[in-house]
């Protein structure tokens, strides 16, 4: 089936001006039915061409899906570039700096997990929140210890 303006067959024609309404045609239908604007066509040949309209919700869903796909594609490209840059930066970092970076990243992940549980009042969620908060406290203490150790390394020895 050919949907004007959507697939390869329809891309050769002008297609619809917007995606709010499209013509759907059966490629196996007689050639006369392929031109719905011809006033000389009978009712029977018009039945091989249908008009489909998208609701506002459908248009929004299509826009969201298309936008999300484009965003994810671009995000993947920038994420790959960022990871490459970070890998190069990591090579220049000392061991203590690498550990500090890892702990900061772990803290961010834990905070995201905690945010994901917001609004869930179940007992399981409350228990998981408590565990995450404990992990955040432990990770913060580890981070503080590493920062103090780094500070001692940087200070000139007297």
Protein backbone atom coordinates (compact mmCIF):
# COMPACT_ATOMS: atom_id res chain seq x y z
CA UNK A 1 0.00 0.00 0.00
CA UNK A 2 1.21 3.49 -0.74
CA UNK A 3 0.84 6.33 1.70
CA UNK A 4 1.55 9.56 -0.15
CA UNK A 5 4.40 11.50 1.33
CA UNK A 6 5.34 8.80 3.84
CA UNK A 7 7.09 5.99 1.99
CA UNK A 8 9.31 5.73 -1.08
CA UNK A 9 6.42 5.43 -3.54
CA UNK A 10 4.74 8.55 -2.26
CA UNK A 11 7.99 10.50 -2.05
CA UNK A 12 8.01 10.80 -5.84
CA UNK A 13 4.71 12.69 -5.83
CA UNK A 14 3.94 15.95 -4.11
CA UNK A 15 2.46 14.19 -1.10
CA UNK A 16 0.35 15.86 1.53
CA UNK A 17 1.08 19.36 2.68
CA UNK A 18 0.88 18.21 6.30
CA UNK A 19 0.52 14.92 8.07
CA UNK A 20 -2.98 15.74 9.27
CA UNK A 21 -4.49 14.03 6.22
CA UNK A 22 -2.99 11.57 3.75
CA UNK A 23 -4.24 9.54 0.81
CA UNK A 24 -3.73 5.80 1.02
CA UNK A 25 -3.80 3.91 -2.26
CA UNK A 26 -3.61 0.25 -3.16
CA UNK A 27 -0.83 -0.24 -5.76
CA UNK A 28 -2.69 -3.29 -7.11
CA UNK A 29 -5.80 -1.27 -7.90
CA UNK A 30 -6.61 -0.32 -11.51
CA UNK A 31 -4.63 2.68 -12.81
CA UNK A 32 -7.77 4.79 -13.03
CA UNK A 33 -8.14 4.61 -9.27
CA UNK A 34 -4.70 6.08 -8.70
CA UNK A 35 -5.92 9.63 -9.42
CA UNK A 36 -8.58 10.51 -6.84
CA UNK A 37 -8.92 14.06 -8.20
CA UNK A 38 -10.33 12.83 -11.53
CA UNK A 39 -14.06 13.73 -11.52
CA UNK A 40 -14.85 11.04 -14.14
CA UNK A 41 -14.09 8.14 -11.80
CA UNK A 42 -16.93 5.97 -10.62
CA UNK A 43 -17.73 5.19 -6.96
CA UNK A 44 -16.35 1.70 -7.39
CA UNK A 45 -12.87 2.83 -8.45
CA UNK A 46 -12.75 5.40 -5.65
CA UNK A 47 -13.08 2.63 -3.09
CA UNK A 48 -9.46 1.60 -3.76
CA UNK A 49 -8.30 4.96 -2.38
CA UNK A 50 -9.07 5.98 1.18
CA UNK A 51 -8.49 9.20 3.08
CA UNK A 52 -6.97 8.88 6.50
CA UNK A 53 -6.90 11.72 9.00
CA UNK A 54 -4.79 11.96 12.13
CA UNK A 55 -6.26 13.29 15.33
CA UNK A 56 -4.45 15.95 17.34
CA UNK A 57 -3.26 13.23 19.71
CA UNK A 58 -2.01 11.19 16.75
CA UNK A 59 -0.16 14.18 15.32
CA UNK A 60 1.42 14.85 18.71
CA UNK A 61 2.42 11.19 19.09
CA UNK A 62 3.99 11.23 15.60
CA UNK A 63 5.84 14.46 16.38
CA UNK A 64 7.02 13.06 19.73
CA UNK A 65 8.23 9.82 18.16
CA UNK A 66 10.01 11.60 15.32
CA UNK A 67 11.52 14.18 17.64
CA UNK A 68 12.59 11.52 20.11
CA UNK A 69 14.28 9.48 17.38
CA UNK A 70 16.13 12.55 16.10
CA UNK A 71 17.08 13.58 19.62
CA UNK A 72 18.33 10.11 20.50
CA UNK A 73 20.38 9.96 17.31
CA UNK A 74 22.00 13.32 18.03
CA UNK A 75 22.45 12.45 21.69
CA UNK A 76 24.21 9.22 20.74
CA UNK A 77 26.64 11.16 18.55
CA UNK A 78 27.40 13.73 21.23
CA UNK A 79 27.58 11.04 23.92
CA UNK A 80 30.16 9.13 21.88
CA UNK A 81 32.23 12.29 21.39
CA UNK A 82 31.96 13.11 25.10
CA UNK A 83 33.06 9.60 26.11
CA UNK A 84 36.03 9.78 23.77
CA UNK A 85 37.02 13.13 25.26
CA UNK A 86 36.57 11.80 28.79
CA UNK A 87 38.71 8.75 28.01
CA UNK A 88 41.48 11.04 26.80
CA UNK A 89 41.13 13.19 29.93
CA UNK A 90 41.16 10.10 32.17
CA UNK A 91 44.55 9.09 30.82
CA UNK A 92 45.99 12.35 32.16
CA UNK A 93 44.42 12.02 35.63
CA UNK A 94 46.13 10.62 38.69
CA UNK A 95 44.70 7.57 40.43
CA UNK A 96 43.15 9.68 43.16
CA UNK A 97 41.50 11.96 40.59
CA UNK A 98 40.09 8.94 38.77
CA UNK A 99 38.59 7.62 42.02
CA UNK A 100 37.13 11.04 42.82
CA UNK A 101 35.54 11.17 39.38
CA UNK A 102 34.10 7.66 39.79
CA UNK A 103 32.62 8.53 43.18
CA UNK A 104 31.06 11.73 41.85
CA UNK A 105 29.49 9.79 39.01
CA UNK A 106 28.21 7.16 41.44
CA UNK A 107 26.66 9.91 43.59
CA UNK A 108 24.86 11.33 40.56
CA UNK A 109 23.49 7.88 39.69
CA UNK A 110 22.31 7.30 43.25
CA UNK A 111 20.58 10.67 43.32
CA UNK A 112 18.81 9.81 40.05
CA UNK A 113 17.67 6.50 41.53
CA UNK A 114 16.37 8.37 44.57
CA UNK A 115 14.47 10.81 42.35
CA UNK A 116 12.93 7.91 40.42
CA UNK A 117 11.38 6.67 43.66
CA UNK A 118 9.73 10.01 44.42
CA UNK A 119 5.99 9.71 44.73
CA UNK A 120 6.08 5.96 45.45
CA UNK A 121 4.74 5.52 48.98
CA UNK A 122 5.00 1.73 49.12
CA UNK A 123 6.99 -0.02 51.83
CA UNK A 124 9.37 -1.49 49.23
CA UNK A 125 10.10 1.98 47.86
CA UNK A 126 10.67 3.32 51.36
CA UNK A 127 13.16 0.52 52.07
CA UNK A 128 14.93 1.13 48.77
CA UNK A 129 15.09 4.89 49.49
CA UNK A 130 16.71 4.11 52.85
CA UNK A 131 19.30 1.85 51.19
CA UNK A 132 20.08 4.46 48.54
CA UNK A 133 20.43 7.18 51.18
CA UNK A 134 22.85 4.94 53.09
CA UNK A 135 24.86 4.38 49.90
CA UNK A 136 24.90 8.13 49.27
CA UNK A 137 26.24 8.73 52.80
CA UNK A 138 28.97 6.09 52.41
CA UNK A 139 29.96 7.37 48.96
CA UNK A 140 30.03 10.97 50.21
CA UNK A 141 32.33 9.96 53.08
CA UNK A 142 34.63 8.15 50.65
CA UNK A 143 34.66 11.19 48.38
CA UNK A 144 35.50 13.52 51.28
CA UNK A 145 38.37 11.25 52.36
CA UNK A 146 39.80 11.24 48.83
CA UNK A 147 39.48 15.01 48.53
CA UNK A 148 41.38 15.42 51.82
CA UNK A 149 44.07 12.99 50.60
CA UNK A 150 44.37 14.94 47.34
CA UNK A 151 44.66 18.19 49.27
CA UNK A 152 47.51 16.73 51.31
CA UNK A 153 49.28 15.65 48.09
CA UNK A 154 49.00 19.10 46.57
CA UNK A 155 50.19 21.04 49.62
CA UNK A 156 53.91 21.70 49.51
CA UNK A 157 55.81 19.71 52.09
CA UNK A 158 57.43 21.83 54.71
